[in-house]
Amino acid sequence: QLDVLRAKGRDDLATMFSAFRDARAAIAAAEVPVVAVVEGHAVAGGFELLQSCDIVLAAESAVLSDIHARFGQIPGGGGTQLLPRLVGLSRASGLVLTGDSLTARQALEWGLVYAVAPDADLDAALESLIGRLTRGSREARTQSKRLMRAGLEMPLEHGLDLEAEAVIDHIL
């Protein structure tokens, strides 16, 4: 598999990874919550992409893994940067450096997944989630998403100031 990637050359690889980065940015910039649903396996790039989503819903039988290490590769879709921020350095190191897998329940315990549903009930769980996401004020949801994402990039006090300003603007 590395031979296939090597054959692409530096420019094509840079374009591919840039596109992946653009996809992450589009998820972050979307005004609506972006929901990932995991059935089966979410590995490598799929695992990295779901880390960018606002909410992840997984089937009970789902398996999540960064398998790059199994093939002598380095994660290129943000896994070395985002995963430690989501689950901590020790857990991220364990996953990235070993290629170990997580069950849906483990991913839920680690905070990578919002909810786990029995396989047979996954569609109903998604419909229920969508129903809850679409009630109330879209503007408030958009602002809340923006505040959470922006807050991760700044000191807590600045984030709290940003939140207070947004709440006041929303009320008035």
N, C-alpha and C. Protein backbone atom coordinates (compact mmCIF):
# COMPACT_ATOMS: atom_id res chain seq x y z
N GLN A 1 0.81 -1.19 0.00
CA GLN A 1 0.00 0.00 0.00
C GLN A 1 0.85 1.26 0.00
N LEU A 2 1.99 1.22 0.66
CA LEU A 2 2.89 2.38 0.63
C LEU A 2 3.39 2.64 -0.78
N ASP A 3 3.58 1.59 -1.57
CA ASP A 3 4.03 1.78 -2.94
C ASP A 3 3.03 2.58 -3.75
N VAL A 4 1.75 2.32 -3.52
CA VAL A 4 0.70 3.07 -4.22
C VAL A 4 0.78 4.54 -3.84
N LEU A 5 0.96 4.82 -2.56
CA LEU A 5 1.06 6.21 -2.11
C LEU A 5 2.33 6.87 -2.65
N ARG A 6 3.44 6.14 -2.60
CA ARG A 6 4.70 6.70 -3.09
C ARG A 6 4.62 7.04 -4.58
N ALA A 7 3.91 6.22 -5.33
CA ALA A 7 3.77 6.44 -6.78
C ALA A 7 3.05 7.75 -7.08
N LYS A 8 2.26 8.23 -6.16
CA LYS A 8 1.52 9.48 -6.37
C LYS A 8 2.46 10.68 -6.42
N GLY A 9 3.56 10.60 -5.70
CA GLY A 9 4.49 11.73 -5.66
C GLY A 9 4.09 12.76 -4.61
N ARG A 10 5.05 13.61 -4.30
CA ARG A 10 4.89 14.61 -3.24
C ARG A 10 3.71 15.55 -3.51
N ASP A 11 3.60 16.10 -4.70
CA ASP A 11 2.55 17.07 -4.99
C ASP A 11 1.16 16.46 -4.87
N ASP A 12 0.96 15.26 -5.40
CA ASP A 12 -0.35 14.62 -5.30
C ASP A 12 -0.68 14.26 -3.86
N LEU A 13 0.32 13.81 -3.10
CA LEU A 13 0.08 13.50 -1.69
C LEU A 13 -0.26 14.76 -0.91
N ALA A 14 0.45 15.84 -1.18
CA ALA A 14 0.16 17.11 -0.50
C ALA A 14 -1.26 17.57 -0.82
N THR A 15 -1.68 17.41 -2.06
CA THR A 15 -3.04 17.77 -2.46
C THR A 15 -4.06 16.92 -1.72
N MET A 16 -3.79 15.62 -1.62
CA MET A 16 -4.71 14.71 -0.94
C MET A 16 -4.85 15.09 0.55
N PHE A 17 -3.75 15.35 1.22
CA PHE A 17 -3.81 15.69 2.63
C PHE A 17 -4.39 17.09 2.85
N SER A 18 -4.18 17.97 1.91
CA SER A 18 -4.79 19.30 1.97
C SER A 18 -6.31 19.20 1.85
N ALA A 19 -6.78 18.32 0.96
CA ALA A 19 -8.22 18.11 0.81
C ALA A 19 -8.82 17.55 2.09
N PHE A 20 -8.10 16.66 2.74
CA PHE A 20 -8.58 16.10 4.00
C PHE A 20 -8.69 17.21 5.05
N ARG A 21 -7.69 18.06 5.08
CA ARG A 21 -7.69 19.18 6.01
C ARG A 21 -8.85 20.13 5.71
N ASP A 22 -9.12 20.35 4.43
CA ASP A 22 -10.25 21.19 4.03
C ASP A 22 -11.57 20.58 4.48
N ALA A 23 -11.68 19.26 4.42
CA ALA A 23 -12.90 18.58 4.88
C ALA A 23 -13.09 18.82 6.37
N ARG A 24 -12.02 18.71 7.13
CA ARG A 24 -12.09 18.98 8.57
C ARG A 24 -12.56 20.42 8.82
N ALA A 25 -11.99 21.36 8.06
CA ALA A 25 -12.35 22.77 8.22
C ALA A 25 -13.81 23.00 7.86
N ALA A 26 -14.29 22.32 6.83
CA ALA A 26 -15.70 22.48 6.43
C ALA A 26 -16.64 21.97 7.52
N ILE A 27 -16.27 20.89 8.16
CA ILE A 27 -17.08 20.36 9.27
C ILE A 27 -17.11 21.38 10.40
N ALA A 28 -15.97 21.94 10.73
CA ALA A 28 -15.90 22.93 11.81
C ALA A 28 -16.70 24.18 11.46
N ALA A 29 -16.66 24.60 10.20
CA ALA A 29 -17.31 25.84 9.79
C ALA A 29 -18.81 25.69 9.53
N ALA A 30 -19.28 24.47 9.37
CA ALA A 30 -20.70 24.26 9.08
C ALA A 30 -21.55 24.88 10.18
N GLU A 31 -22.60 25.57 9.78
CA GLU A 31 -23.47 26.21 10.77
C GLU A 31 -24.35 25.22 11.52
N VAL A 32 -24.51 24.05 10.96
CA VAL A 32 -25.33 23.02 11.60
C VAL A 32 -24.41 21.97 12.22
N PRO A 33 -24.90 21.25 13.22
CA PRO A 33 -24.09 20.17 13.77
C PRO A 33 -23.84 19.09 12.72
N VAL A 34 -22.62 18.63 12.66
CA VAL A 34 -22.26 17.54 11.74
C VAL A 34 -22.21 16.26 12.56
N VAL A 35 -23.03 15.29 12.16
CA VAL A 35 -23.16 14.03 12.88
C VAL A 35 -22.53 12.92 12.06
N ALA A 36 -21.66 12.15 12.69
CA ALA A 36 -21.10 10.95 12.06
C ALA A 36 -21.82 9.74 12.65
N VAL A 37 -22.16 8.81 11.79
CA VAL A 37 -22.77 7.56 12.23
C VAL A 37 -21.79 6.45 11.84
N VAL A 38 -21.41 5.64 12.82
CA VAL A 38 -20.43 4.60 12.58
C VAL A 38 -21.12 3.23 12.63
N GLU A 39 -21.08 2.56 11.51
CA GLU A 39 -21.51 1.17 11.41
C GLU A 39 -20.31 0.40 10.89
N GLY A 40 -20.08 -0.76 11.39
CA GLY A 40 -18.92 -1.53 10.93
C GLY A 40 -17.64 -0.94 11.48
N HIS A 41 -16.68 -0.67 10.61
CA HIS A 41 -15.36 -0.20 11.03
C HIS A 41 -15.12 1.23 10.57
N ALA A 42 -14.62 2.05 11.48
CA ALA A 42 -14.12 3.39 11.16
C ALA A 42 -12.63 3.34 11.45
N VAL A 43 -11.82 3.23 10.40
CA VAL A 43 -10.38 3.06 10.58
C VAL A 43 -9.62 4.10 9.77
N ALA A 44 -8.38 4.33 10.17
CA ALA A 44 -7.46 5.22 9.47
C ALA A 44 -8.14 6.57 9.20
N GLY A 45 -8.26 6.96 7.94
CA GLY A 45 -8.84 8.26 7.60
C GLY A 45 -10.27 8.43 8.07
N GLY A 46 -11.06 7.37 8.04
CA GLY A 46 -12.43 7.45 8.54
C GLY A 46 -12.46 7.73 10.03
N PHE A 47 -11.56 7.10 10.76
CA PHE A 47 -11.43 7.33 12.20
C PHE A 47 -10.99 8.77 12.45
N GLU A 48 -10.05 9.25 11.63
CA GLU A 48 -9.58 10.63 11.80
C GLU A 48 -10.68 11.63 11.46
N LEU A 49 -11.45 11.37 10.43
CA LEU A 49 -12.50 12.29 10.02
C LEU A 49 -13.59 12.39 11.08
N LEU A 50 -13.97 11.29 11.68
CA LEU A 50 -15.04 11.36 12.69
C LEU A 50 -14.61 12.18 13.90
N GLN A 51 -13.31 12.30 14.13
CA GLN A 51 -12.83 13.11 15.24
C GLN A 51 -13.15 14.59 15.05
N SER A 52 -13.42 14.99 13.82
CA SER A 52 -13.76 16.38 13.53
C SER A 52 -15.24 16.66 13.66
N CYS A 53 -16.05 15.63 13.69
CA CYS A 53 -17.50 15.82 13.71
C CYS A 53 -17.96 16.32 15.08
N ASP A 54 -19.11 16.97 15.08
CA ASP A 54 -19.64 17.51 16.32
C ASP A 54 -20.20 16.43 17.22
N ILE A 55 -20.85 15.45 16.62
CA ILE A 55 -21.49 14.38 17.38
C ILE A 55 -21.25 13.07 16.63
N VAL A 56 -20.89 12.02 17.37
CA VAL A 56 -20.69 10.71 16.77
C VAL A 56 -21.65 9.72 17.43
N LEU A 57 -22.41 9.04 16.59
CA LEU A 57 -23.33 8.00 17.02
C LEU A 57 -22.80 6.69 16.45
N ALA A 58 -22.67 5.68 17.29
CA ALA A 58 -22.09 4.42 16.83
C ALA A 58 -23.03 3.25 17.09
N ALA A 59 -23.02 2.32 16.16
CA ALA A 59 -23.70 1.05 16.37
C ALA A 59 -22.90 0.26 17.40
N GLU A 60 -23.59 -0.54 18.17
CA GLU A 60 -22.92 -1.30 19.23
C GLU A 60 -21.79 -2.18 18.70
N SER A 61 -21.92 -2.67 17.50
CA SER A 61 -20.89 -3.55 16.94
C SER A 61 -19.77 -2.79 16.24
N ALA A 62 -19.82 -1.47 16.23
CA ALA A 62 -18.81 -0.67 15.54
C ALA A 62 -17.43 -0.85 16.18
N VAL A 63 -16.41 -0.72 15.33
CA VAL A 63 -15.02 -0.79 15.76
C VAL A 63 -14.33 0.46 15.23
N LEU A 64 -13.58 1.13 16.08
CA LEU A 64 -12.87 2.35 15.71
C LEU A 64 -11.37 2.12 15.94
N SER A 65 -10.56 2.54 14.95
CA SER A 65 -9.13 2.29 15.08
C SER A 65 -8.32 3.15 14.14
N ASP A 66 -7.16 3.55 14.62
CA ASP A 66 -6.17 4.17 13.74
C ASP A 66 -5.17 3.07 13.39
N ILE A 67 -5.31 2.51 12.22
CA ILE A 67 -4.51 1.34 11.85
C ILE A 67 -3.23 1.67 11.11
N HIS A 68 -2.88 2.94 11.03
CA HIS A 68 -1.68 3.33 10.28
C HIS A 68 -0.44 2.56 10.74
N ALA A 69 -0.28 2.40 12.05
CA ALA A 69 0.91 1.72 12.59
C ALA A 69 1.01 0.28 12.10
N ARG A 70 -0.12 -0.34 11.88
CA ARG A 70 -0.10 -1.73 11.40
C ARG A 70 0.56 -1.87 10.03
N PHE A 71 0.59 -0.77 9.29
CA PHE A 71 1.13 -0.80 7.92
C PHE A 71 2.37 0.07 7.78
N GLY A 72 2.95 0.44 8.91
CA GLY A 72 4.17 1.24 8.88
C GLY A 72 3.94 2.65 8.38
N GLN A 73 2.75 3.20 8.61
CA GLN A 73 2.42 4.54 8.15
C GLN A 73 2.21 5.49 9.32
N ILE A 74 2.22 6.76 9.01
CA ILE A 74 1.95 7.83 9.97
C ILE A 74 0.57 8.38 9.65
N PRO A 75 -0.27 8.61 10.65
CA PRO A 75 -1.58 9.22 10.37
C PRO A 75 -1.38 10.57 9.68
N GLY A 76 -2.15 10.82 8.63
CA GLY A 76 -2.00 12.07 7.89
C GLY A 76 -3.26 12.91 7.86
N GLY A 77 -4.32 12.45 8.51
CA GLY A 77 -5.57 13.18 8.50
C GLY A 77 -5.84 13.92 9.80
N GLY A 78 -4.80 14.20 10.56
CA GLY A 78 -4.95 14.94 11.80
C GLY A 78 -4.92 14.09 13.05
N GLY A 79 -4.78 12.78 12.91
CA GLY A 79 -4.83 11.89 14.06
C GLY A 79 -3.78 12.14 15.12
N THR A 80 -2.59 12.60 14.71
CA THR A 80 -1.56 12.86 15.72
C THR A 80 -1.79 14.18 16.45
N GLN A 81 -2.67 15.01 15.92
CA GLN A 81 -2.90 16.32 16.53
C GLN A 81 -4.24 16.41 17.25
N LEU A 82 -5.29 15.89 16.64
CA LEU A 82 -6.62 16.01 17.24
C LEU A 82 -6.88 14.95 18.30
N LEU A 83 -6.50 13.71 18.03
CA LEU A 83 -6.80 12.64 18.98
C LEU A 83 -6.25 12.90 20.39
N PRO A 84 -5.00 13.37 20.56
CA PRO A 84 -4.53 13.67 21.92
C PRO A 84 -5.36 14.75 22.61
N ARG A 85 -5.89 15.68 21.83
CA ARG A 85 -6.72 16.73 22.41
C ARG A 85 -8.06 16.18 22.87
N LEU A 86 -8.53 15.14 22.22
CA LEU A 86 -9.83 14.56 22.55
C LEU A 86 -9.77 13.55 23.69
N VAL A 87 -8.73 12.73 23.71
CA VAL A 87 -8.69 11.63 24.69
C VAL A 87 -7.48 11.66 25.61
N GLY A 88 -6.59 12.61 25.43
CA GLY A 88 -5.37 12.67 26.22
C GLY A 88 -4.21 11.98 25.51
N LEU A 89 -3.01 12.38 25.89
CA LEU A 89 -1.81 11.90 25.22
C LEU A 89 -1.60 10.39 25.38
N SER A 90 -1.79 9.86 26.57
CA SER A 90 -1.52 8.44 26.80
C SER A 90 -2.44 7.56 25.97
N ARG A 91 -3.73 7.84 25.99
CA ARG A 91 -4.67 7.03 25.22
C ARG A 91 -4.42 7.19 23.71
N ALA A 92 -4.20 8.42 23.28
CA ALA A 92 -3.94 8.65 21.86
C ALA A 92 -2.66 7.94 21.44
N SER A 93 -1.64 8.01 22.25
CA SER A 93 -0.38 7.33 21.93
C SER A 93 -0.59 5.83 21.80
N GLY A 94 -1.34 5.28 22.72
CA GLY A 94 -1.62 3.85 22.66
C GLY A 94 -2.31 3.46 21.36
N LEU A 95 -3.31 4.21 20.96
CA LEU A 95 -4.03 3.89 19.72
C LEU A 95 -3.17 4.10 18.48
N VAL A 96 -2.52 5.25 18.40
CA VAL A 96 -1.76 5.59 17.19
C VAL A 96 -0.52 4.71 17.05
N LEU A 97 0.17 4.44 18.14
CA LEU A 97 1.44 3.72 18.04
C LEU A 97 1.29 2.20 17.96
N THR A 98 0.13 1.68 18.40
CA THR A 98 -0.08 0.23 18.32
C THR A 98 -1.02 -0.19 17.21
N GLY A 99 -1.92 0.70 16.81
CA GLY A 99 -2.96 0.32 15.86
C GLY A 99 -4.09 -0.46 16.51
N ASP A 100 -4.14 -0.45 17.84
CA ASP A 100 -5.21 -1.14 18.56
C ASP A 100 -6.57 -0.56 18.20
N SER A 101 -7.60 -1.34 18.44
CA SER A 101 -8.97 -0.94 18.14
C SER A 101 -9.76 -0.66 19.41
N LEU A 102 -10.81 0.13 19.25
CA LEU A 102 -11.76 0.38 20.33
C LEU A 102 -13.12 -0.15 19.92
N THR A 103 -13.83 -0.73 20.86
CA THR A 103 -15.23 -1.06 20.62
C THR A 103 -16.01 0.24 20.71
N ALA A 104 -17.24 0.20 20.27
CA ALA A 104 -18.09 1.38 20.39
C ALA A 104 -18.24 1.80 21.84
N ARG A 105 -18.39 0.85 22.73
CA ARG A 105 -18.54 1.15 24.17
C ARG A 105 -17.27 1.80 24.73
N GLN A 106 -16.10 1.29 24.33
CA GLN A 106 -14.85 1.92 24.79
C GLN A 106 -14.75 3.35 24.25
N ALA A 107 -15.10 3.55 22.99
CA ALA A 107 -15.06 4.89 22.40
C ALA A 107 -16.00 5.83 23.14
N LEU A 108 -17.13 5.32 23.59
CA LEU A 108 -18.06 6.12 24.37
C LEU A 108 -17.42 6.49 25.71
N GLU A 109 -16.80 5.53 26.38
CA GLU A 109 -16.14 5.79 27.66
C GLU A 109 -15.02 6.82 27.51
N TRP A 110 -14.34 6.79 26.37
CA TRP A 110 -13.22 7.70 26.14
C TRP A 110 -13.67 9.08 25.67
N GLY A 111 -14.94 9.24 25.34
CA GLY A 111 -15.45 10.52 24.88
C GLY A 111 -15.33 10.74 23.38
N LEU A 112 -15.00 9.71 22.63
CA LEU A 112 -14.93 9.84 21.16
C LEU A 112 -16.29 9.70 20.51
N VAL A 113 -17.22 9.10 21.23
CA VAL A 113 -18.56 8.83 20.72
C VAL A 113 -19.56 9.42 21.70
N TYR A 114 -20.60 10.06 21.17
CA TYR A 114 -21.64 10.65 22.01
C TYR A 114 -22.60 9.59 22.54
N ALA A 115 -22.97 8.65 21.67
CA ALA A 115 -23.94 7.63 22.07
C ALA A 115 -23.71 6.36 21.28
N VAL A 116 -24.10 5.24 21.87
CA VAL A 116 -24.03 3.93 21.23
C VAL A 116 -25.44 3.36 21.22
N ALA A 117 -25.83 2.82 20.08
CA ALA A 117 -27.17 2.23 19.96
C ALA A 117 -27.05 0.78 19.51
N PRO A 118 -27.97 -0.06 19.95
CA PRO A 118 -27.98 -1.43 19.41
C PRO A 118 -28.06 -1.36 17.89
N ASP A 119 -27.39 -2.28 17.22
CA ASP A 119 -27.34 -2.25 15.76
C ASP A 119 -28.73 -2.12 15.14
N ALA A 120 -29.67 -2.88 15.64
CA ALA A 120 -31.01 -2.90 15.07
C ALA A 120 -31.76 -1.59 15.31
N ASP A 121 -31.31 -0.80 16.28
CA ASP A 121 -31.99 0.45 16.62
C ASP A 121 -31.23 1.69 16.18
N LEU A 122 -30.16 1.52 15.40
CA LEU A 122 -29.32 2.66 15.02
C LEU A 122 -30.10 3.72 14.24
N ASP A 123 -30.90 3.30 13.28
CA ASP A 123 -31.67 4.28 12.50
C ASP A 123 -32.63 5.06 13.39
N ALA A 124 -33.29 4.39 14.29
CA ALA A 124 -34.22 5.06 15.20
C ALA A 124 -33.47 6.02 16.13
N ALA A 125 -32.30 5.61 16.59
CA ALA A 125 -31.49 6.48 17.45
C ALA A 125 -31.06 7.73 16.69
N LEU A 126 -30.70 7.55 15.42
CA LEU A 126 -30.32 8.70 14.60
C LEU A 126 -31.51 9.63 14.39
N GLU A 127 -32.66 9.09 14.08
CA GLU A 127 -33.85 9.92 13.89
C GLU A 127 -34.18 10.70 15.16
N SER A 128 -34.07 10.05 16.30
CA SER A 128 -34.32 10.71 17.57
C SER A 128 -33.32 11.85 17.80
N LEU A 129 -32.06 11.58 17.52
CA LEU A 129 -31.02 12.60 17.67
C LEU A 129 -31.29 13.78 16.75
N ILE A 130 -31.62 13.51 15.51
CA ILE A 130 -31.91 14.59 14.55
C ILE A 130 -33.11 15.41 15.04
N GLY A 131 -34.11 14.74 15.57
CA GLY A 131 -35.26 15.45 16.11
C GLY A 131 -34.87 16.41 17.22
N ARG A 132 -33.99 15.96 18.10
CA ARG A 132 -33.54 16.82 19.20
C ARG A 132 -32.65 17.95 18.70
N LEU A 133 -31.89 17.69 17.64
CA LEU A 133 -31.01 18.72 17.09
C LEU A 133 -31.75 19.79 16.31
N THR A 134 -32.94 19.48 15.85
CA THR A 134 -33.66 20.43 15.00
C THR A 134 -34.74 21.21 15.74
N ARG A 135 -34.93 20.94 17.02
CA ARG A 135 -35.90 21.74 17.76
C ARG A 135 -35.19 22.96 18.36
N GLY A 136 -35.96 23.97 18.64
CA GLY A 136 -35.38 25.16 19.24
C GLY A 136 -34.75 26.07 18.19
N SER A 137 -33.87 26.91 18.64
CA SER A 137 -33.27 27.95 17.81
C SER A 137 -32.04 27.45 17.06
N ARG A 138 -32.11 27.51 15.73
CA ARG A 138 -30.94 27.15 14.92
C ARG A 138 -29.80 28.13 15.21
N GLU A 139 -30.13 29.41 15.36
CA GLU A 139 -29.10 30.41 15.64
C GLU A 139 -28.36 30.09 16.95
N ALA A 140 -29.09 29.67 17.97
CA ALA A 140 -28.45 29.34 19.24
C ALA A 140 -27.53 28.13 19.09
N ARG A 141 -27.98 27.12 18.32
CA ARG A 141 -27.12 25.94 18.09
C ARG A 141 -25.86 26.33 17.32
N THR A 142 -26.03 27.17 16.31
CA THR A 142 -24.88 27.60 15.51
C THR A 142 -23.88 28.35 16.38
N GLN A 143 -24.39 29.27 17.19
CA GLN A 143 -23.50 30.03 18.08
C GLN A 143 -22.84 29.13 19.11
N SER A 144 -23.59 28.19 19.67
CA SER A 144 -23.01 27.28 20.67
C SER A 144 -21.88 26.46 20.06
N LYS A 145 -22.10 25.95 18.85
CA LYS A 145 -21.05 25.19 18.16
C LYS A 145 -19.82 26.07 17.93
N ARG A 146 -20.05 27.28 17.44
CA ARG A 146 -18.94 28.19 17.17
C ARG A 146 -18.17 28.50 18.45
N LEU A 147 -18.90 28.73 19.55
CA LEU A 147 -18.24 29.04 20.82
C LEU A 147 -17.41 27.87 21.34
N MET A 148 -17.96 26.66 21.27
CA MET A 148 -17.21 25.50 21.75
C MET A 148 -15.92 25.31 20.96
N ARG A 149 -16.03 25.40 19.64
CA ARG A 149 -14.84 25.19 18.81
C ARG A 149 -13.81 26.31 19.00
N ALA A 150 -14.28 27.54 19.05
CA ALA A 150 -13.36 28.67 19.25
C ALA A 150 -12.70 28.59 20.62
N GLY A 151 -13.47 28.19 21.62
CA GLY A 151 -12.94 28.12 22.98
C GLY A 151 -11.79 27.15 23.13
N LEU A 152 -11.78 26.11 22.32
CA LEU A 152 -10.69 25.15 22.38
C LEU A 152 -9.37 25.74 21.89
N GLU A 153 -9.45 26.83 21.16
CA GLU A 153 -8.25 27.44 20.57
C GLU A 153 -7.72 28.62 21.38
N MET A 154 -8.33 28.89 22.52
CA MET A 154 -7.92 30.07 23.29
C MET A 154 -7.92 29.77 24.79
N PRO A 155 -7.30 30.64 25.57
CA PRO A 155 -7.34 30.46 27.02
C PRO A 155 -8.77 30.51 27.54
N LEU A 156 -9.04 29.83 28.63
CA LEU A 156 -10.38 29.74 29.20
C LEU A 156 -11.00 31.12 29.44
N GLU A 157 -10.27 32.04 30.01
CA GLU A 157 -10.82 33.36 30.31
C GLU A 157 -11.28 34.07 29.03
N HIS A 158 -10.53 33.95 27.95
CA HIS A 158 -10.95 34.56 26.68
C HIS A 158 -12.21 33.88 26.16
N GLY A 159 -12.26 32.56 26.31
CA GLY A 159 -13.45 31.83 25.88
C GLY A 159 -14.68 32.22 26.67
N LEU A 160 -14.51 32.42 27.97
CA LEU A 160 -15.63 32.85 28.80
C LEU A 160 -16.10 34.24 28.41
N ASP A 161 -15.16 35.13 28.07
CA ASP A 161 -15.53 36.47 27.59
C ASP A 161 -16.31 36.38 26.28
N LEU A 162 -15.83 35.54 25.38
CA LEU A 162 -16.49 35.35 24.09
C LEU A 162 -17.90 34.81 24.29
N GLU A 163 -18.04 33.85 25.19
CA GLU A 163 -19.35 33.28 25.49
C GLU A 163 -20.30 34.34 26.05
N ALA A 164 -19.85 35.10 27.01
CA ALA A 164 -20.70 36.13 27.62
C ALA A 164 -21.18 37.12 26.57
N GLU A 165 -20.29 37.55 25.72
CA GLU A 165 -20.64 38.50 24.65
C GLU A 165 -21.69 37.89 23.71
N ALA A 166 -21.51 36.65 23.35
CA ALA A 166 -22.46 35.99 22.44
C ALA A 166 -23.83 35.82 23.09
N VAL A 167 -23.85 35.48 24.37
CA VAL A 167 -25.13 35.30 25.07
C VAL A 167 -25.87 36.63 25.15
N ILE A 168 -25.16 37.68 25.50
CA ILE A 168 -25.79 39.00 25.58
C ILE A 168 -26.33 39.42 24.22
N ASP A 169 -25.54 39.24 23.17
CA ASP A 169 -26.00 39.57 21.82
C ASP A 169 -27.23 38.74 21.44
N HIS A 170 -27.24 37.49 21.83
CA HIS A 170 -28.37 36.60 21.48
C HIS A 170 -29.65 37.02 22.20
N ILE A 171 -29.51 37.41 23.46
CA ILE A 171 -30.67 37.83 24.25
C ILE A 171 -31.23 39.16 23.75
N LEU A 172 -30.30 40.07 23.45
CA LEU A 172 -30.74 41.40 23.02
C LEU A 172 -31.05 41.35 21.55
